[in-house]
Amino acid sequence: MKKHYQKYCIHFAYAIISISTFLFSTRTFSQENNSLSISEDICKYVKEKDLKLQRIVHDTIIETKRPVLFMSNELLNDNEIIGSYSATPIKYRHARRDDRRGKYIESELVDNSIEYNNDGSLTETIYDIYKNDSSGKLYAIKDESLKSISDYVKTKELIKIVEKQGFKVYKTQEAYYENYYYIKSKTCEVKLDNWTYNELKKNISYITSLDSYQIKLKSLVQQTVPHSKSLDKYLGLYRIQRNKMSTANINAWKNATAQAQKLNDQISKLGEQYAGNYSFTPFDRMTGLRQQFTDNLGASKGVLGM
């Protein structure tokens, strides 16, 4: 009966305690990484995607006087959501039920930095706490919701940047997959994602540089055609003559293979410039030419022991 009474006291007494008594209240943060600004546009996005900003309720356990945090389920109006926020240093998880050892209680926000033997009582979802810079009120928001907001803000900024550069933005219309925004440069289809955002922040002429790269790469790949033909000729001779190939032909084949290898090295080195970047798709991937060249080069090196 005593425990039952304690639990209801926690949820309904609302003995509000000073924010300064909590560990997360006074630390200073970098504005770049730990601030959140919600405009009318972002507020609309938050509500459309049901990302939820939940007001924090401070309470205290009557018997132990331990301060606790809960998330209110009260719906917030636009005026309360819109504004600037500063992050607090601790991340939290939500308790589904009481801890058997009395470490936390049902619905409490639990400090994620503290090691607990989680028996399923705590959710895997991580919550961040933000303080409204004007009202001083605290709000919880899921980590994944923050990422969604961040991606949305970056996409809006990206659209402005590329439209200013004269590109037309379009969006995919997938029924079962996430839709993305794209542009078409001179040589590629470019996805407006985090990678493109970061590249443009480093170099505002990134898309122009990407086109220059593709033009240079195409030029090198086109140079593989005579090399492929030369290597293919010697591979054909080898299939027919085997160990009866003349020394002159073998030496010529070795020289052709060495020259082809130099070109392949140039292509590989150039390719390193955008290695790992899957945010663009060339209109002309030249897959057939490159495959034929690498196949003939690999086969020639194998036979010649180079």
C-alpha atoms as a PDB file:
ATOM      1  CA  MET A   1       0.000   0.000   0.000  1.00  0.00           C
ATOM      2  CA  LYS A   2       2.880   2.321   0.886  1.00  0.00           C
ATOM      3  CA  LYS A   3       4.580   1.726  -2.497  1.00  0.00           C
ATOM      4  CA  HIS A   4       1.274   2.188  -4.311  1.00  0.00           C
ATOM      5  CA  TYR A   5       0.751   5.525  -2.551  1.00  0.00           C
ATOM      6  CA  GLN A   6       4.325   6.604  -3.312  1.00  0.00           C
ATOM      7  CA  LYS A   7       3.931   5.914  -7.029  1.00  0.00           C
ATOM      8  CA  TYR A   8       0.786   8.012  -7.308  1.00  0.00           C
ATOM      9  CA  CYS A   9       2.333  10.806  -5.301  1.00  0.00           C
ATOM     10  CA  ILE A  10       5.127  10.915  -7.858  1.00  0.00           C
ATOM     11  CA  HIS A  11       2.770  11.337 -10.782  1.00  0.00           C
ATOM     12  CA  PHE A  12       0.289  13.746  -9.287  1.00  0.00           C
ATOM     13  CA  ALA A  13       1.966  15.777  -6.556  1.00  0.00           C
ATOM     14  CA  TYR A  14       4.113  17.734  -9.044  1.00  0.00           C
ATOM     15  CA  ALA A  15       6.341  19.083  -6.352  1.00  0.00           C
ATOM     16  CA  ILE A  16       8.311  21.286  -8.728  1.00  0.00           C
ATOM     17  CA  ILE A  17      11.929  21.584  -7.729  1.00  0.00           C
ATOM     18  CA  SER A  18      14.549  24.098  -8.839  1.00  0.00           C
ATOM     19  CA  ILE A  19      16.098  23.386 -12.236  1.00  0.00           C
ATOM     20  CA  SER A  20      19.501  24.112 -10.752  1.00  0.00           C
ATOM     21  CA  THR A  21      19.331  20.920  -8.726  1.00  0.00           C
ATOM     22  CA  PHE A  22      19.578  18.853 -11.911  1.00  0.00           C
ATOM     23  CA  LEU A  23      22.884  17.953 -13.503  1.00  0.00           C
ATOM     24  CA  PHE A  24      21.785  19.069 -16.941  1.00  0.00           C
ATOM     25  CA  SER A  25      20.812  22.663 -16.194  1.00  0.00           C
ATOM     26  CA  THR A  26      23.823  24.959 -16.388  1.00  0.00           C
ATOM     27  CA  ARG A  27      26.508  23.632 -18.732  1.00  0.00           C
ATOM     28  CA  THR A  28      27.530  25.730 -21.764  1.00  0.00           C
ATOM     29  CA  PHE A  29      27.397  24.309 -25.282  1.00  0.00           C
ATOM     30  CA  SER A  30      28.668  25.001 -28.779  1.00  0.00           C
ATOM     31  CA  GLN A  31      25.909  26.761 -30.716  1.00  0.00           C
ATOM     32  CA  GLU A  32      26.862  24.903 -33.879  1.00  0.00           C
ATOM     33  CA  ASN A  33      26.186  21.430 -32.514  1.00  0.00           C
ATOM     34  CA  ASN A  34      23.917  21.970 -29.513  1.00  0.00           C
ATOM     35  CA  SER A  35      21.306  24.530 -30.462  1.00  0.00           C
ATOM     36  CA  LEU A  36      17.923  24.020 -32.065  1.00  0.00           C
ATOM     37  CA  SER A  37      15.899  26.678 -33.836  1.00  0.00           C
ATOM     38  CA  ILE A  38      12.288  25.926 -34.736  1.00  0.00           C
ATOM     39  CA  SER A  39      10.684  28.304 -37.216  1.00  0.00           C
ATOM     40  CA  GLU A  40       7.070  28.241 -38.421  1.00  0.00           C
ATOM     41  CA  ASP A  41       8.173  26.089 -41.365  1.00  0.00           C
ATOM     42  CA  ILE A  42      10.013  23.593 -39.164  1.00  0.00           C
ATOM     43  CA  CYS A  43       7.119  23.569 -36.695  1.00  0.00           C
ATOM     44  CA  LYS A  44       4.814  22.564 -39.540  1.00  0.00           C
ATOM     45  CA  TYR A  45       7.245  19.785 -40.532  1.00  0.00           C
ATOM     46  CA  VAL A  46       7.495  18.556 -36.912  1.00  0.00           C
ATOM     47  CA  LYS A  47       3.712  18.280 -36.656  1.00  0.00           C
ATOM     48  CA  GLU A  48       3.290  16.663 -40.085  1.00  0.00           C
ATOM     49  CA  LYS A  49       5.873  13.989 -39.258  1.00  0.00           C
ATOM     50  CA  ASP A  50       4.612  13.614 -35.664  1.00  0.00           C
ATOM     51  CA  LEU A  51       8.144  14.126 -34.304  1.00  0.00           C
ATOM     52  CA  LYS A  52       6.859  15.403 -30.936  1.00  0.00           C
ATOM     53  CA  LEU A  53       8.472  17.882 -28.618  1.00  0.00           C
ATOM     54  CA  GLN A  54       7.332  16.927 -25.097  1.00  0.00           C
ATOM     55  CA  ARG A  55       7.383  19.235 -22.107  1.00  0.00           C
ATOM     56  CA  ILE A  56       9.420  18.041 -19.125  1.00  0.00           C
ATOM     57  CA  VAL A  57       7.729  17.722 -15.730  1.00  0.00           C
ATOM     58  CA  HIS A  58       9.948  17.871 -12.636  1.00  0.00           C
ATOM     59  CA  ASP A  59       8.868  15.883  -9.622  1.00  0.00           C
ATOM     60  CA  THR A  60      10.308  14.323  -6.497  1.00  0.00           C
ATOM     61  CA  ILE A  61       9.889  11.019  -4.738  1.00  0.00           C
ATOM     62  CA  ILE A  62       8.269  11.834  -1.413  1.00  0.00           C
ATOM     63  CA  GLU A  63      10.072   9.271   0.749  1.00  0.00           C
ATOM     64  CA  THR A  64      13.612   9.562  -0.657  1.00  0.00           C
ATOM     65  CA  LYS A  65      13.380  13.148  -1.898  1.00  0.00           C
ATOM     66  CA  ARG A  66      15.057  12.011  -5.137  1.00  0.00           C
ATOM     67  CA  PRO A  67      14.306  14.366  -8.062  1.00  0.00           C
ATOM     68  CA  VAL A  68      12.788  12.715 -11.115  1.00  0.00           C
ATOM     69  CA  LEU A  69      11.845  13.745 -14.650  1.00  0.00           C
ATOM     70  CA  PHE A  70       8.790  12.816 -16.692  1.00  0.00           C
ATOM     71  CA  MET A  71       7.540  13.703 -20.166  1.00  0.00           C
ATOM     72  CA  SER A  72       4.142  15.356 -20.377  1.00  0.00           C
ATOM     73  CA  ASN A  73       1.740  14.004 -23.014  1.00  0.00           C
ATOM     74  CA  GLU A  74       0.022  17.383 -23.278  1.00  0.00           C
ATOM     75  CA  LEU A  75      -0.181  18.629 -26.873  1.00  0.00           C
ATOM     76  CA  LEU A  76       1.815  21.800 -27.516  1.00  0.00           C
ATOM     77  CA  ASN A  77       0.528  24.674 -29.595  1.00  0.00           C
ATOM     78  CA  ASP A  78       2.595  26.328 -32.319  1.00  0.00           C
ATOM     79  CA  ASN A  79       3.493  29.346 -30.208  1.00  0.00           C
ATOM     80  CA  GLU A  80       5.104  27.126 -27.590  1.00  0.00           C
ATOM     81  CA  ILE A  81       7.001  25.025 -30.130  1.00  0.00           C
ATOM     82  CA  ILE A  82       8.420  27.884 -32.209  1.00  0.00           C
ATOM     83  CA  GLY A  83      11.609  29.373 -30.787  1.00  0.00           C
ATOM     84  CA  SER A  84      15.298  28.767 -30.123  1.00  0.00           C
ATOM     85  CA  TYR A  85      16.582  26.035 -27.791  1.00  0.00           C
ATOM     86  CA  SER A  86      19.860  25.087 -26.140  1.00  0.00           C
ATOM     87  CA  ALA A  87      20.843  21.478 -25.550  1.00  0.00           C
ATOM     88  CA  THR A  88      21.520  20.030 -22.118  1.00  0.00           C
ATOM     89  CA  PRO A  89      24.449  17.627 -21.602  1.00  0.00           C
ATOM     90  CA  ILE A  90      22.712  14.391 -20.649  1.00  0.00           C
ATOM     91  CA  LYS A  91      20.821  11.992 -22.891  1.00  0.00           C
ATOM     92  CA  TYR A  92      17.979   9.903 -21.467  1.00  0.00           C
ATOM     93  CA  ARG A  93      15.991   6.745 -21.943  1.00  0.00           C
ATOM     94  CA  HIS A  94      12.370   6.206 -20.968  1.00  0.00           C
ATOM     95  CA  ALA A  95      11.419   3.651 -18.315  1.00  0.00           C
ATOM     96  CA  ARG A  96       8.606   1.312 -19.356  1.00  0.00           C
ATOM     97  CA  ARG A  97       8.204   0.034 -15.814  1.00  0.00           C
ATOM     98  CA  ASP A  98       9.763   0.181 -12.334  1.00  0.00           C
ATOM     99  CA  ASP A  99      13.290  -1.128 -11.881  1.00  0.00           C
ATOM    100  CA  ARG A 100      13.263  -4.186  -9.609  1.00  0.00           C
ATOM    101  CA  ARG A 101      16.197  -2.771  -7.633  1.00  0.00           C
ATOM    102  CA  GLY A 102      14.529   0.591  -7.137  1.00  0.00           C
ATOM    103  CA  LYS A 103      16.912   2.537  -9.407  1.00  0.00           C
ATOM    104  CA  TYR A 104      14.104   4.158 -11.377  1.00  0.00           C
ATOM    105  CA  ILE A 105      10.346   4.073 -11.682  1.00  0.00           C
ATOM    106  CA  GLU A 106       7.811   3.671 -14.460  1.00  0.00           C
ATOM    107  CA  SER A 107       7.702   6.567 -16.988  1.00  0.00           C
ATOM    108  CA  GLU A 108      10.812   8.233 -15.549  1.00  0.00           C
ATOM    109  CA  LEU A 109      13.499   9.619 -17.839  1.00  0.00           C
ATOM    110  CA  VAL A 110      16.707   7.790 -16.919  1.00  0.00           C
ATOM    111  CA  ASP A 111      20.234   9.149 -17.438  1.00  0.00           C
ATOM    112  CA  ASN A 112      21.661   7.170 -20.361  1.00  0.00           C
ATOM    113  CA  SER A 113      25.258   7.609 -19.161  1.00  0.00           C
ATOM    114  CA  ILE A 114      24.572   5.471 -16.074  1.00  0.00           C
ATOM    115  CA  GLU A 115      25.179   1.752 -16.521  1.00  0.00           C
ATOM    116  CA  TYR A 116      22.091  -0.340 -15.855  1.00  0.00           C
ATOM    117  CA  ASN A 117      21.514  -4.040 -16.379  1.00  0.00           C
ATOM    118  CA  ASN A 118      18.640  -3.372 -18.743  1.00  0.00           C
ATOM    119  CA  ASP A 119      16.071  -6.146 -18.468  1.00  0.00           C
ATOM    120  CA  GLY A 120      13.775  -4.498 -20.992  1.00  0.00           C
ATOM    121  CA  SER A 121      12.482  -1.913 -18.535  1.00  0.00           C
ATOM    122  CA  LEU A 122      14.241   0.890 -20.443  1.00  0.00           C
ATOM    123  CA  THR A 123      13.469   1.760 -24.045  1.00  0.00           C
ATOM    124  CA  GLU A 124      16.266   1.708 -26.620  1.00  0.00           C
ATOM    125  CA  THR A 125      15.113   5.127 -27.835  1.00  0.00           C
ATOM    126  CA  ILE A 126      17.389   7.986 -26.784  1.00  0.00           C
ATOM    127  CA  TYR A 127      15.921  11.345 -25.762  1.00  0.00           C
ATOM    128  CA  ASP A 128      17.656  14.725 -25.741  1.00  0.00           C
ATOM    129  CA  ILE A 129      16.580  17.529 -23.425  1.00  0.00           C
ATOM    130  CA  TYR A 130      16.453  21.092 -24.771  1.00  0.00           C
ATOM    131  CA  LYS A 131      15.810  24.326 -22.892  1.00  0.00           C
ATOM    132  CA  ASN A 132      13.752  27.037 -24.547  1.00  0.00           C
ATOM    133  CA  ASP A 133      15.963  30.138 -24.564  1.00  0.00           C
ATOM    134  CA  SER A 134      13.031  32.479 -23.915  1.00  0.00           C
ATOM    135  CA  SER A 135      10.832  30.641 -21.416  1.00  0.00           C
ATOM    136  CA  GLY A 136      13.506  28.474 -19.767  1.00  0.00           C
ATOM    137  CA  LYS A 137      11.178  25.475 -20.025  1.00  0.00           C
ATOM    138  CA  LEU A 138      12.633  22.041 -20.773  1.00  0.00           C
ATOM    139  CA  TYR A 139      11.497  19.725 -23.558  1.00  0.00           C
ATOM    140  CA  ALA A 140      12.376  16.171 -24.589  1.00  0.00           C
ATOM    141  CA  ILE A 141      12.788  15.036 -28.171  1.00  0.00           C
ATOM    142  CA  LYS A 142      13.927  11.723 -29.642  1.00  0.00           C
ATOM    143  CA  ASP A 143      17.409  11.476 -31.169  1.00  0.00           C
ATOM    144  CA  GLU A 144      15.897  10.179 -34.393  1.00  0.00           C
ATOM    145  CA  SER A 145      13.508  13.141 -34.514  1.00  0.00           C
ATOM    146  CA  LEU A 146      16.444  15.538 -34.170  1.00  0.00           C
ATOM    147  CA  LYS A 147      18.122  13.828 -37.111  1.00  0.00           C
ATOM    148  CA  SER A 148      14.948  14.185 -39.180  1.00  0.00           C
ATOM    149  CA  ILE A 149      14.762  17.889 -38.368  1.00  0.00           C
ATOM    150  CA  SER A 150      18.464  18.343 -39.141  1.00  0.00           C
ATOM    151  CA  ASP A 151      18.096  16.554 -42.484  1.00  0.00           C
ATOM    152  CA  TYR A 152      15.039  18.663 -43.320  1.00  0.00           C
ATOM    153  CA  VAL A 153      16.849  21.923 -42.513  1.00  0.00           C
ATOM    154  CA  LYS A 154      19.902  20.880 -44.550  1.00  0.00           C
ATOM    155  CA  THR A 155      17.719  19.898 -47.503  1.00  0.00           C
ATOM    156  CA  LYS A 156      15.935  23.271 -47.456  1.00  0.00           C
ATOM    157  CA  GLU A 157      19.296  25.048 -47.335  1.00  0.00           C
ATOM    158  CA  LEU A 158      20.640  22.821 -50.120  1.00  0.00           C
ATOM    159  CA  ILE A 159      17.665  23.620 -52.336  1.00  0.00           C
ATOM    160  CA  LYS A 160      18.289  27.345 -51.901  1.00  0.00           C
ATOM    161  CA  ILE A 161      21.992  26.947 -52.721  1.00  0.00           C
ATOM    162  CA  VAL A 162      21.520  24.937 -55.919  1.00  0.00           C
ATOM    163  CA  GLU A 163      18.562  26.983 -57.131  1.00  0.00           C
ATOM    164  CA  LYS A 164      20.697  30.105 -56.731  1.00  0.00           C
ATOM    165  CA  GLN A 165      23.251  28.382 -58.977  1.00  0.00           C
ATOM    166  CA  GLY A 166      20.583  27.897 -61.636  1.00  0.00           C
ATOM    167  CA  PHE A 167      19.689  24.230 -61.109  1.00  0.00           C
ATOM    168  CA  LYS A 168      16.130  22.921 -61.231  1.00  0.00           C
ATOM    169  CA  VAL A 169      15.253  20.750 -58.230  1.00  0.00           C
ATOM    170  CA  TYR A 170      12.957  17.745 -58.552  1.00  0.00           C
ATOM    171  CA  LYS A 171      11.767  15.062 -56.158  1.00  0.00           C
ATOM    172  CA  THR A 172      11.322  11.310 -56.551  1.00  0.00           C
ATOM    173  CA  GLN A 173       7.822   9.946 -56.155  1.00  0.00           C
ATOM    174  CA  GLU A 174       8.344   6.529 -54.603  1.00  0.00           C
ATOM    175  CA  ALA A 175       5.350   4.810 -53.035  1.00  0.00           C
ATOM    176  CA  TYR A 176       7.260   2.640 -50.563  1.00  0.00           C
ATOM    177  CA  TYR A 177      10.642   4.337 -50.182  1.00  0.00           C
ATOM    178  CA  GLU A 178      11.867   7.632 -48.812  1.00  0.00           C
ATOM    179  CA  ASN A 179      11.727  10.386 -51.410  1.00  0.00           C
ATOM    180  CA  TYR A 180      14.786  12.522 -52.170  1.00  0.00           C
ATOM    181  CA  TYR A 181      15.467  15.767 -53.977  1.00  0.00           C
ATOM    182  CA  TYR A 182      17.773  15.778 -57.003  1.00  0.00           C
ATOM    183  CA  ILE A 183      19.307  18.072 -59.600  1.00  0.00           C
ATOM    184  CA  LYS A 184      20.859  17.352 -62.979  1.00  0.00           C
ATOM    185  CA  SER A 185      24.290  18.834 -63.653  1.00  0.00           C
ATOM    186  CA  LYS A 186      26.056  18.667 -67.031  1.00  0.00           C
ATOM    187  CA  THR A 187      27.292  15.128 -66.373  1.00  0.00           C
ATOM    188  CA  CYS A 188      25.415  13.659 -63.370  1.00  0.00           C
ATOM    189  CA  GLU A 189      22.245  13.277 -61.413  1.00  0.00           C
ATOM    190  CA  VAL A 190      23.063  14.612 -57.942  1.00  0.00           C
ATOM    191  CA  LYS A 191      21.117  13.677 -54.821  1.00  0.00           C
ATOM    192  CA  LEU A 192      20.613  16.517 -52.334  1.00  0.00           C
ATOM    193  CA  ASP A 193      21.661  14.575 -49.245  1.00  0.00           C
ATOM    194  CA  ASN A 194      24.105  15.009 -46.358  1.00  0.00           C
ATOM    195  CA  TRP A 195      27.133  14.189 -48.493  1.00  0.00           C
ATOM    196  CA  THR A 196      26.221  16.829 -51.090  1.00  0.00           C
ATOM    197  CA  TYR A 197      25.461  19.299 -48.304  1.00  0.00           C
ATOM    198  CA  ASN A 198      28.876  18.797 -46.694  1.00  0.00           C
ATOM    199  CA  GLU A 199      30.673  19.039 -50.042  1.00  0.00           C
ATOM    200  CA  LEU A 200      28.914  22.295 -50.932  1.00  0.00           C
ATOM    201  CA  LYS A 201      29.687  23.755 -47.494  1.00  0.00           C
ATOM    202  CA  LYS A 202      33.382  23.001 -48.103  1.00  0.00           C
ATOM    203  CA  ASN A 203      33.337  24.143 -51.729  1.00  0.00           C
ATOM    204  CA  ILE A 204      30.455  26.184 -53.154  1.00  0.00           C
ATOM    205  CA  SER A 205      31.669  25.196 -56.642  1.00  0.00           C
ATOM    206  CA  TYR A 206      31.459  21.487 -55.817  1.00  0.00           C
ATOM    207  CA  ILE A 207      29.008  20.652 -58.632  1.00  0.00           C
ATOM    208  CA  THR A 208      31.160  22.450 -61.216  1.00  0.00           C
ATOM    209  CA  SER A 209      34.193  20.547 -59.901  1.00  0.00           C
ATOM    210  CA  LEU A 210      32.230  17.296 -60.104  1.00  0.00           C
ATOM    211  CA  ASP A 211      31.408  17.952 -63.761  1.00  0.00           C
ATOM    212  CA  SER A 212      35.068  18.720 -64.518  1.00  0.00           C
ATOM    213  CA  TYR A 213      36.036  15.461 -62.837  1.00  0.00           C
ATOM    214  CA  GLN A 214      33.521  13.469 -64.891  1.00  0.00           C
ATOM    215  CA  ILE A 215      34.677  15.069 -68.154  1.00  0.00           C
ATOM    216  CA  LYS A 216      38.301  14.240 -67.349  1.00  0.00           C
ATOM    217  CA  LEU A 217      37.399  10.695 -66.312  1.00  0.00           C
ATOM    218  CA  LYS A 218      35.420  10.160 -69.512  1.00  0.00           C
ATOM    219  CA  SER A 219      38.389  11.352 -71.561  1.00  0.00           C
ATOM    220  CA  LEU A 220      40.686   8.843 -69.846  1.00  0.00           C
ATOM    221  CA  VAL A 221      38.210   5.977 -70.247  1.00  0.00           C
ATOM    222  CA  GLN A 222      37.829   6.736 -73.950  1.00  0.00           C
ATOM    223  CA  GLN A 223      41.608   6.397 -74.233  1.00  0.00           C
ATOM    224  CA  THR A 224      41.277   2.765 -73.122  1.00  0.00           C
ATOM    225  CA  VAL A 225      39.697   1.759 -76.456  1.00  0.00           C
ATOM    226  CA  PRO A 226      42.934   1.393 -78.515  1.00  0.00           C
ATOM    227  CA  HIS A 227      44.657  -0.245 -75.527  1.00  0.00           C
ATOM    228  CA  SER A 228      41.828  -2.792 -75.211  1.00  0.00           C
ATOM    229  CA  LYS A 229      42.026  -3.581 -78.924  1.00  0.00           C
ATOM    230  CA  SER A 230      45.808  -4.040 -78.759  1.00  0.00           C
ATOM    231  CA  LEU A 231      45.639  -6.336 -75.721  1.00  0.00           C
ATOM    232  CA  ASP A 232      42.738  -8.258 -77.223  1.00  0.00           C
ATOM    233  CA  LYS A 233      44.823  -8.866 -80.359  1.00  0.00           C
ATOM    234  CA  TYR A 234      47.675 -10.395 -78.370  1.00  0.00           C
ATOM    235  CA  LEU A 235      45.301 -12.441 -76.216  1.00  0.00           C
ATOM    236  CA  GLY A 236      43.815 -13.818 -79.455  1.00  0.00           C
ATOM    237  CA  LEU A 237      47.270 -14.739 -80.717  1.00  0.00           C
ATOM    238  CA  TYR A 238      48.066 -16.454 -77.442  1.00  0.00           C
ATOM    239  CA  ARG A 239      44.905 -18.564 -77.577  1.00  0.00           C
ATOM    240  CA  ILE A 240      45.947 -19.831 -81.020  1.00  0.00           C
ATOM    241  CA  GLN A 241      49.757 -20.032 -80.726  1.00  0.00           C
ATOM    242  CA  ARG A 242      50.293 -20.551 -76.987  1.00  0.00           C
ATOM    243  CA  ASN A 243      54.017 -21.276 -76.439  1.00  0.00           C
ATOM    244  CA  LYS A 244      54.710 -20.808 -80.153  1.00  0.00           C
ATOM    245  CA  MET A 245      54.268 -17.005 -79.940  1.00  0.00           C
ATOM    246  CA  SER A 246      57.315 -15.183 -81.247  1.00  0.00           C
ATOM    247  CA  THR A 247      59.622 -13.301 -78.921  1.00  0.00           C
ATOM    248  CA  ALA A 248      58.835 -10.109 -80.834  1.00  0.00           C
ATOM    249  CA  ASN A 249      55.091 -10.537 -80.238  1.00  0.00           C
ATOM    250  CA  ILE A 250      55.624 -11.349 -76.559  1.00  0.00           C
ATOM    251  CA  ASN A 251      57.816  -8.256 -76.083  1.00  0.00           C
ATOM    252  CA  ALA A 252      55.298  -6.096 -77.928  1.00  0.00           C
ATOM    253  CA  TRP A 253      52.511  -7.550 -75.763  1.00  0.00           C
ATOM    254  CA  LYS A 254      54.480  -6.787 -72.595  1.00  0.00           C
ATOM    255  CA  ASN A 255      55.016  -3.207 -73.742  1.00  0.00           C
ATOM    256  CA  ALA A 256      51.317  -2.802 -74.598  1.00  0.00           C
ATOM    257  CA  THR A 257      50.381  -4.201 -71.173  1.00  0.00           C
ATOM    258  CA  ALA A 258      52.775  -1.812 -69.395  1.00  0.00           C
ATOM    259  CA  GLN A 259      51.299   1.176 -71.266  1.00  0.00           C
ATOM    260  CA  ALA A 260      47.770   0.030 -70.471  1.00  0.00           C
ATOM    261  CA  GLN A 261      48.717  -0.302 -66.795  1.00  0.00           C
ATOM    262  CA  LYS A 262      49.898   3.314 -66.739  1.00  0.00           C
ATOM    263  CA  LEU A 263      46.545   4.472 -68.071  1.00  0.00           C
ATOM    264  CA  ASN A 264      44.734   2.257 -65.567  1.00  0.00           C
ATOM    265  CA  ASP A 265      46.762   3.827 -62.753  1.00  0.00           C
ATOM    266  CA  GLN A 266      45.721   7.294 -63.943  1.00  0.00           C
ATOM    267  CA  ILE A 267      42.055   6.287 -63.942  1.00  0.00           C
ATOM    268  CA  SER A 268      42.352   4.711 -60.491  1.00  0.00           C
ATOM    269  CA  LYS A 269      44.099   7.759 -59.034  1.00  0.00           C
ATOM    270  CA  LEU A 270      41.484  10.103 -60.452  1.00  0.00           C
ATOM    271  CA  GLY A 271      38.731   7.836 -59.115  1.00  0.00           C
ATOM    272  CA  GLU A 272      40.057   8.251 -55.573  1.00  0.00           C
ATOM    273  CA  GLN A 273      38.934  11.878 -55.629  1.00  0.00           C
ATOM    274  CA  TYR A 274      35.287  10.899 -55.140  1.00  0.00           C
ATOM    275  CA  ALA A 275      35.712   7.420 -53.671  1.00  0.00           C
ATOM    276  CA  GLY A 276      32.824   6.529 -51.359  1.00  0.00           C
ATOM    277  CA  ASN A 277      30.604   9.300 -52.687  1.00  0.00           C
ATOM    278  CA  TYR A 278      27.366   7.621 -53.776  1.00  0.00           C
ATOM    279  CA  SER A 279      25.385  10.858 -53.979  1.00  0.00           C
ATOM    280  CA  PHE A 280      25.818  11.288 -57.706  1.00  0.00           C
ATOM    281  CA  THR A 281      25.184   9.044 -60.711  1.00  0.00           C
ATOM    282  CA  PRO A 282      26.949   9.823 -64.003  1.00  0.00           C
ATOM    283  CA  PHE A 283      24.707   9.920 -67.063  1.00  0.00           C
ATOM    284  CA  ASP A 284      27.380   8.016 -68.997  1.00  0.00           C
ATOM    285  CA  ARG A 285      28.986   5.456 -66.697  1.00  0.00           C
ATOM    286  CA  MET A 286      31.083   3.934 -69.519  1.00  0.00           C
ATOM    287  CA  THR A 287      30.777   0.589 -67.764  1.00  0.00           C
ATOM    288  CA  GLY A 288      31.282  -1.501 -70.901  1.00  0.00           C
ATOM    289  CA  LEU A 289      34.501   0.241 -71.958  1.00  0.00           C
ATOM    290  CA  ARG A 290      35.984   0.082 -68.475  1.00  0.00           C
ATOM    291  CA  GLN A 291      35.072  -3.574 -68.007  1.00  0.00           C
ATOM    292  CA  GLN A 292      36.547  -4.615 -71.348  1.00  0.00           C
ATOM    293  CA  PHE A 293      39.750  -2.710 -70.605  1.00  0.00           C
ATOM    294  CA  THR A 294      40.240  -4.124 -67.097  1.00  0.00           C
ATOM    295  CA  ASP A 295      39.383  -7.664 -68.266  1.00  0.00           C
ATOM    296  CA  ASN A 296      41.974  -7.544 -71.076  1.00  0.00           C
ATOM    297  CA  LEU A 297      44.566  -5.919 -68.835  1.00  0.00           C
ATOM    298  CA  GLY A 298      44.040  -8.491 -66.066  1.00  0.00           C
ATOM    299  CA  ALA A 299      44.175 -11.407 -68.494  1.00  0.00           C
ATOM    300  CA  SER A 300      47.357 -10.091 -70.144  1.00  0.00           C
ATOM    301  CA  LYS A 301      49.120  -9.560 -66.815  1.00  0.00           C
ATOM    302  CA  GLY A 302      48.111 -13.047 -65.733  1.00  0.00           C
ATOM    303  CA  VAL A 303      49.532 -14.737 -68.787  1.00  0.00           C
ATOM    304  CA  LEU A 304      52.688 -12.620 -68.878  1.00  0.00           C
ATOM    305  CA  GLY A 305      53.306 -12.850 -65.130  1.00  0.00           C
ATOM    306  CA  MET A 306      53.372  -9.055 -64.796  1.00  0.00           C
END
